[in-house]
N, C-alpha and C. Protein backbone atom coordinates (compact mmCIF):
# COMPACT_ATOMS: atom_id res chain seq x y z
N MET A 1 88.60 155.96 98.70
CA MET A 1 87.62 154.95 99.21
C MET A 1 88.47 154.06 100.19
N ILE A 2 87.78 153.46 101.19
CA ILE A 2 88.30 152.55 102.10
C ILE A 2 87.65 151.15 102.02
N ALA A 3 88.46 150.18 101.97
CA ALA A 3 87.82 148.85 101.90
C ALA A 3 88.13 148.28 103.18
N TYR A 4 86.95 147.52 103.46
CA TYR A 4 86.96 146.91 104.76
C TYR A 4 86.67 145.31 104.46
N THR A 5 87.62 144.31 104.77
CA THR A 5 87.48 142.88 104.52
C THR A 5 87.70 142.21 105.94
N PHE A 6 86.71 141.52 106.46
CA PHE A 6 86.92 140.90 107.68
C PHE A 6 86.39 139.34 107.54
N GLY A 7 86.88 138.47 108.42
CA GLY A 7 86.25 137.20 108.32
C GLY A 7 86.68 136.37 107.28
N SER A 8 85.97 135.17 107.30
CA SER A 8 86.16 134.28 106.42
C SER A 8 84.97 134.12 105.35
N ASP A 9 84.24 135.03 105.50
CA ASP A 9 82.89 134.89 104.44
C ASP A 9 83.15 135.60 102.99
N MET A 10 84.46 136.01 102.87
CA MET A 10 84.89 136.68 101.58
C MET A 10 84.06 137.94 101.34
N CYS A 11 83.41 138.53 102.08
CA CYS A 11 82.66 139.83 101.63
C CYS A 11 83.46 140.87 102.25
N GLY A 12 83.38 142.02 101.51
CA GLY A 12 83.91 143.23 102.02
C GLY A 12 83.09 144.47 101.43
N ASN A 13 83.22 145.64 102.17
CA ASN A 13 82.32 146.70 102.04
C ASN A 13 83.52 147.96 101.66
N THR A 14 83.12 148.63 100.52
CA THR A 14 83.98 149.85 100.12
C THR A 14 83.08 151.10 100.26
N ILE A 15 83.40 151.99 101.31
CA ILE A 15 82.63 153.19 101.34
C ILE A 15 82.80 154.00 100.25
N VAL A 16 81.76 154.48 99.76
CA VAL A 16 81.62 155.45 98.67
C VAL A 16 81.30 157.00 99.12
N GLU A 17 80.53 156.96 100.05
CA GLU A 17 80.17 158.44 100.65
C GLU A 17 79.50 158.23 102.08
N THR A 18 79.71 159.04 102.78
CA THR A 18 79.38 159.35 104.14
C THR A 18 78.76 160.68 104.41
N LYS A 19 77.45 160.82 104.77
CA LYS A 19 76.96 162.20 105.21
C LYS A 19 76.35 162.14 106.48
N ILE A 20 76.79 163.13 107.43
CA ILE A 20 76.21 163.29 108.83
C ILE A 20 74.96 164.18 108.78
N SER A 21 74.19 163.66 109.69
CA SER A 21 72.96 164.28 109.80
C SER A 21 73.07 165.66 110.38
N PRO A 22 71.92 166.64 110.13
CA PRO A 22 72.12 168.03 110.52
C PRO A 22 72.47 168.30 112.02
N ASN A 23 71.82 167.31 112.72
CA ASN A 23 72.05 167.45 114.40
C ASN A 23 73.23 166.54 114.64
N TYR A 24 74.15 166.16 113.84
CA TYR A 24 75.35 165.19 114.19
C TYR A 24 75.16 164.10 114.88
N SER A 25 73.90 163.55 115.00
CA SER A 25 73.51 162.30 115.69
C SER A 25 73.81 161.09 115.10
N HIS A 26 73.53 161.15 113.47
CA HIS A 26 73.62 160.00 112.73
C HIS A 26 74.51 160.10 111.64
N LYS A 27 74.69 159.23 110.75
CA LYS A 27 75.32 159.18 109.52
C LYS A 27 74.68 158.23 108.77
N ILE A 28 74.68 158.49 107.32
CA ILE A 28 74.24 157.78 106.36
C ILE A 28 75.45 157.33 105.41
N ILE A 29 75.59 156.06 105.17
CA ILE A 29 76.77 155.57 104.42
C ILE A 29 76.39 154.80 103.24
N LEU A 30 76.90 155.19 102.17
CA LEU A 30 76.55 154.50 100.84
C LEU A 30 77.78 153.63 100.66
N PHE A 31 77.69 152.38 100.30
CA PHE A 31 78.74 151.58 100.06
C PHE A 31 78.60 150.53 99.04
N GLU A 32 79.78 149.95 98.40
CA GLU A 32 79.55 148.87 97.61
C GLU A 32 79.87 147.46 98.55
N ARG A 33 79.17 146.49 98.28
CA ARG A 33 79.53 145.09 99.14
C ARG A 33 79.89 144.26 98.00
N ASN A 34 80.97 143.52 98.09
CA ASN A 34 81.41 142.57 97.21
C ASN A 34 81.65 141.43 97.90
N CYS A 35 81.06 140.24 97.40
CA CYS A 35 81.19 138.88 98.22
C CYS A 35 81.71 137.80 97.24
N GLY A 36 82.61 138.22 96.38
CA GLY A 36 83.43 137.37 95.63
C GLY A 36 82.86 137.10 94.19
N ALA A 37 83.66 136.38 93.34
CA ALA A 37 83.42 136.09 91.98
C ALA A 37 81.97 135.55 91.68
N THR A 38 81.51 134.88 92.50
CA THR A 38 80.29 134.11 92.20
C THR A 38 78.91 135.03 92.33
N THR A 39 79.18 136.24 93.01
CA THR A 39 77.98 137.17 93.13
C THR A 39 78.15 138.41 92.50
N ASP A 40 77.22 139.12 92.19
CA ASP A 40 77.29 140.57 91.60
C ASP A 40 77.72 141.48 92.83
N PHE A 41 78.55 142.67 92.43
CA PHE A 41 78.57 143.66 93.42
C PHE A 41 77.32 144.15 93.81
N SER A 42 76.94 144.81 95.05
CA SER A 42 75.84 145.28 95.20
C SER A 42 76.00 146.69 96.04
N THR A 43 75.13 147.54 95.61
CA THR A 43 74.98 148.83 96.22
C THR A 43 74.19 148.82 97.46
N GLN A 44 74.76 149.42 98.70
CA GLN A 44 74.05 149.41 99.98
C GLN A 44 74.12 150.58 100.76
N ILE A 45 73.31 150.67 101.47
CA ILE A 45 73.10 151.84 102.57
C ILE A 45 72.80 151.54 104.06
N SER A 46 73.51 152.21 104.92
CA SER A 46 73.29 152.07 106.31
C SER A 46 73.03 153.41 106.98
N ILE A 47 72.36 153.48 107.83
CA ILE A 47 72.21 154.43 108.75
C ILE A 47 72.47 154.13 110.17
N LEU A 48 73.62 154.90 110.61
CA LEU A 48 74.21 154.40 112.00
C LEU A 48 74.28 155.75 112.77
N LYS A 49 74.41 155.47 114.09
CA LYS A 49 74.84 156.44 114.93
C LYS A 49 76.07 157.00 114.75
N LYS A 50 76.24 158.15 114.99
CA LYS A 50 77.59 158.99 114.35
C LYS A 50 78.83 158.37 114.81
N GLU A 51 78.95 157.88 116.00
CA GLU A 51 80.13 157.15 116.63
C GLU A 51 80.23 155.54 116.22
N GLU A 52 79.32 155.01 115.40
CA GLU A 52 79.29 153.70 115.15
C GLU A 52 80.17 153.47 113.85
N ASP A 53 80.86 152.56 113.84
CA ASP A 53 81.56 152.10 112.65
C ASP A 53 80.74 151.16 111.59
N LEU A 54 80.95 151.25 110.27
CA LEU A 54 80.45 150.20 109.57
C LEU A 54 81.07 148.90 109.65
N GLU A 55 80.34 147.88 110.03
CA GLU A 55 80.77 146.47 110.09
C GLU A 55 80.90 146.02 108.87
N ASP A 56 81.38 144.73 108.80
CA ASP A 56 81.41 143.77 107.56
C ASP A 56 80.09 143.17 107.53
N GLU A 57 79.07 143.87 107.25
CA GLU A 57 77.57 143.61 107.08
C GLU A 57 76.89 144.06 105.99
N SER A 58 75.85 143.73 105.65
CA SER A 58 74.85 144.17 104.60
C SER A 58 74.36 145.51 105.05
N GLY A 59 73.97 146.30 104.26
CA GLY A 59 73.24 147.47 104.54
C GLY A 59 72.01 147.28 105.34
N ASN A 60 71.69 148.21 106.35
CA ASN A 60 70.59 148.14 107.35
C ASN A 60 69.31 148.86 106.71
N ILE A 61 69.28 149.61 105.46
CA ILE A 61 68.29 150.25 104.99
C ILE A 61 68.03 149.76 103.60
N PHE A 62 69.08 149.72 102.71
CA PHE A 62 68.92 149.61 101.40
C PHE A 62 69.76 148.62 100.79
N SER A 63 69.47 147.71 99.84
CA SER A 63 70.53 146.87 99.06
C SER A 63 69.95 146.79 97.60
N ALA A 64 70.74 146.68 96.80
CA ALA A 64 70.33 146.56 95.32
C ALA A 64 71.60 146.40 94.50
N ASP A 65 71.32 145.74 93.17
CA ASP A 65 72.42 145.48 92.36
C ASP A 65 71.99 146.00 91.00
N SER A 66 72.92 145.97 89.90
CA SER A 66 72.58 146.41 88.69
C SER A 66 71.71 145.49 87.74
N ASP A 67 71.11 144.43 88.44
CA ASP A 67 70.47 143.38 87.62
C ASP A 67 70.94 142.96 86.39
N GLN A 68 72.25 142.50 86.51
CA GLN A 68 72.90 141.93 85.22
C GLN A 68 73.23 143.08 84.14
N GLY A 69 73.51 144.19 84.76
CA GLY A 69 73.78 145.24 83.73
C GLY A 69 72.69 146.15 83.35
N LYS A 70 71.56 145.94 83.79
CA LYS A 70 70.41 146.75 83.43
C LYS A 70 70.43 148.20 83.73
N ALA A 71 71.13 148.34 85.14
CA ALA A 71 71.26 149.65 85.72
C ALA A 71 72.65 149.92 85.57
N ILE A 72 72.96 151.15 85.06
CA ILE A 72 74.40 151.55 84.65
C ILE A 72 75.22 151.79 86.02
N LEU A 73 76.45 151.29 85.88
CA LEU A 73 77.16 151.50 87.29
C LEU A 73 77.97 152.81 87.18
N THR A 74 78.22 153.51 88.24
CA THR A 74 78.97 154.71 88.27
C THR A 74 80.46 154.27 88.25
N GLU A 75 81.51 155.23 88.16
CA GLU A 75 82.74 154.94 88.14
C GLU A 75 83.35 154.43 89.48
N ASN A 76 82.50 154.64 90.53
CA ASN A 76 82.78 153.89 91.85
C ASN A 76 82.25 152.50 91.96
N GLY A 77 81.65 151.93 90.86
CA GLY A 77 81.18 150.68 90.90
C GLY A 77 79.79 150.33 91.42
N ILE A 78 79.13 151.42 91.60
CA ILE A 78 77.76 151.34 92.32
C ILE A 78 76.64 151.89 91.26
N ILE A 79 75.28 151.50 91.68
CA ILE A 79 74.23 152.15 90.70
C ILE A 79 74.27 153.49 91.10
N ASN A 80 73.54 154.24 90.14
CA ASN A 80 73.30 155.59 90.21
C ASN A 80 72.55 155.82 91.40
N ILE A 81 72.93 156.70 92.38
CA ILE A 81 72.29 156.70 93.69
C ILE A 81 72.70 157.96 94.35
N LYS A 82 71.66 158.61 94.94
CA LYS A 82 71.96 159.77 95.63
C LYS A 82 71.30 159.74 97.14
N ILE A 83 72.05 160.38 98.08
CA ILE A 83 71.65 160.10 99.25
C ILE A 83 71.58 161.64 99.97
N GLU A 84 70.68 161.94 100.84
CA GLU A 84 70.44 163.38 101.33
C GLU A 84 69.79 163.30 102.46
N TRP A 85 70.29 163.97 103.49
CA TRP A 85 69.47 164.36 104.72
C TRP A 85 68.68 165.50 104.34
N LEU A 86 67.27 165.42 104.56
CA LEU A 86 66.32 166.50 104.44
C LEU A 86 66.08 167.09 105.68
N THR A 87 66.28 166.40 106.82
CA THR A 87 65.93 166.80 108.28
C THR A 87 66.68 166.18 109.19
N ASP A 88 66.85 166.37 110.34
CA ASP A 88 67.39 165.48 111.48
C ASP A 88 66.85 164.20 111.38
N LYS A 89 65.50 163.89 110.93
CA LYS A 89 64.76 162.69 111.28
C LYS A 89 64.19 162.24 109.84
N LYS A 90 64.86 162.91 108.70
CA LYS A 90 64.40 162.31 107.36
C LYS A 90 65.51 162.38 106.36
N VAL A 91 65.62 161.25 105.56
CA VAL A 91 66.48 160.89 104.51
C VAL A 91 65.85 160.57 103.12
N LEU A 92 66.51 161.28 102.19
CA LEU A 92 66.03 160.95 100.75
C LEU A 92 66.80 159.93 100.16
N VAL A 93 66.49 158.96 99.53
CA VAL A 93 67.34 158.09 98.80
C VAL A 93 66.76 157.97 97.22
N GLU A 94 67.63 158.45 96.31
CA GLU A 94 67.12 158.33 94.95
C GLU A 94 68.14 157.33 94.34
N TYR A 95 67.49 156.48 93.54
CA TYR A 95 68.25 155.24 92.90
C TYR A 95 67.78 154.85 91.64
N ASP A 96 68.59 154.34 90.59
CA ASP A 96 68.21 154.11 89.41
C ASP A 96 67.12 153.04 89.33
N LYS A 97 66.17 153.37 88.44
CA LYS A 97 64.91 152.67 88.41
C LYS A 97 65.21 151.13 87.78
N SER A 98 66.23 151.04 87.31
CA SER A 98 66.31 149.74 86.35
C SER A 98 67.18 148.87 87.74
N ALA A 99 67.40 149.17 88.79
CA ALA A 99 68.03 148.49 89.78
C ALA A 99 67.32 147.38 90.32
N ARG A 100 68.04 146.16 90.62
CA ARG A 100 67.08 144.97 91.42
C ARG A 100 67.33 145.29 92.88
N ILE A 101 66.16 145.53 93.46
CA ILE A 101 66.04 145.85 94.99
C ILE A 101 66.03 144.60 95.73
N PHE A 102 66.99 144.36 96.66
CA PHE A 102 66.89 143.32 97.67
C PHE A 102 66.18 143.79 99.10
N GLU A 103 66.46 144.94 99.58
CA GLU A 103 66.05 145.31 100.76
C GLU A 103 65.61 146.92 100.63
N ILE A 104 64.60 147.40 101.13
CA ILE A 104 64.25 148.57 101.39
C ILE A 104 63.51 148.93 102.68
N GLU A 105 64.10 149.66 103.43
CA GLU A 105 63.57 149.96 104.73
C GLU A 105 62.97 151.31 104.79
N LYS A 106 61.79 151.57 105.32
CA LYS A 106 61.27 152.92 105.41
C LYS A 106 61.45 153.64 106.73
N SER A 107 62.04 153.10 107.81
CA SER A 107 62.41 153.80 108.90
C SER A 107 63.37 153.18 109.69
N ILE A 108 64.43 153.79 110.38
CA ILE A 108 65.22 153.05 111.38
C ILE A 108 65.68 153.92 112.46
N ASP A 109 65.65 153.48 113.55
CA ASP A 109 66.20 154.50 114.69
C ASP A 109 65.55 155.83 114.77
N GLY A 110 64.21 155.75 114.47
CA GLY A 110 63.48 157.05 114.40
C GLY A 110 63.57 157.90 113.37
N ILE A 111 64.31 157.36 112.33
CA ILE A 111 64.64 158.32 111.05
C ILE A 111 63.73 157.74 109.81
N GLU A 112 63.14 158.46 109.27
CA GLU A 112 62.18 158.17 108.06
C GLU A 112 62.95 158.13 106.93
N ILE A 113 62.80 157.20 106.09
CA ILE A 113 63.43 157.14 104.74
C ILE A 113 62.51 157.11 103.54
N GLU A 114 62.66 158.17 102.83
CA GLU A 114 61.91 158.22 101.59
C GLU A 114 62.81 157.89 100.21
N TYR A 115 62.07 157.17 99.51
CA TYR A 115 62.73 156.68 98.28
C TYR A 115 62.09 157.26 97.10
N LYS A 116 63.04 157.49 95.88
CA LYS A 116 62.51 157.87 94.57
C LYS A 116 63.52 157.42 93.57
N LYS A 117 62.65 156.77 92.58
CA LYS A 117 63.52 156.23 91.36
C LYS A 117 63.96 157.37 90.52
N LEU A 118 65.17 157.08 89.96
CA LEU A 118 65.63 157.92 88.88
C LEU A 118 65.34 157.76 87.50
């Protein structure tokens, strides 16, 4: 795992998994975002162009937390979640049904995102 911490906002991202699209144009990044002791860690996802780096920002397609322990966390400190490229233009995200969702985007940069609860 790689931790990125920038700026004075006390937030940092820890990348858990990265998957490149079948045509190598984009990547989907699953990461944990930590903003200090006063907030719960969150599980987030971004889809970026392959050459882009994950900045110290929230995920651009998905953000959730364990809802105060209702969703079980994995050994990586994230909710149970699976990411998969179905085609060059379609991604499947499966996530714990007990997670508290903050953001869920259906498409980005011409890529459709399908969600399923586990």
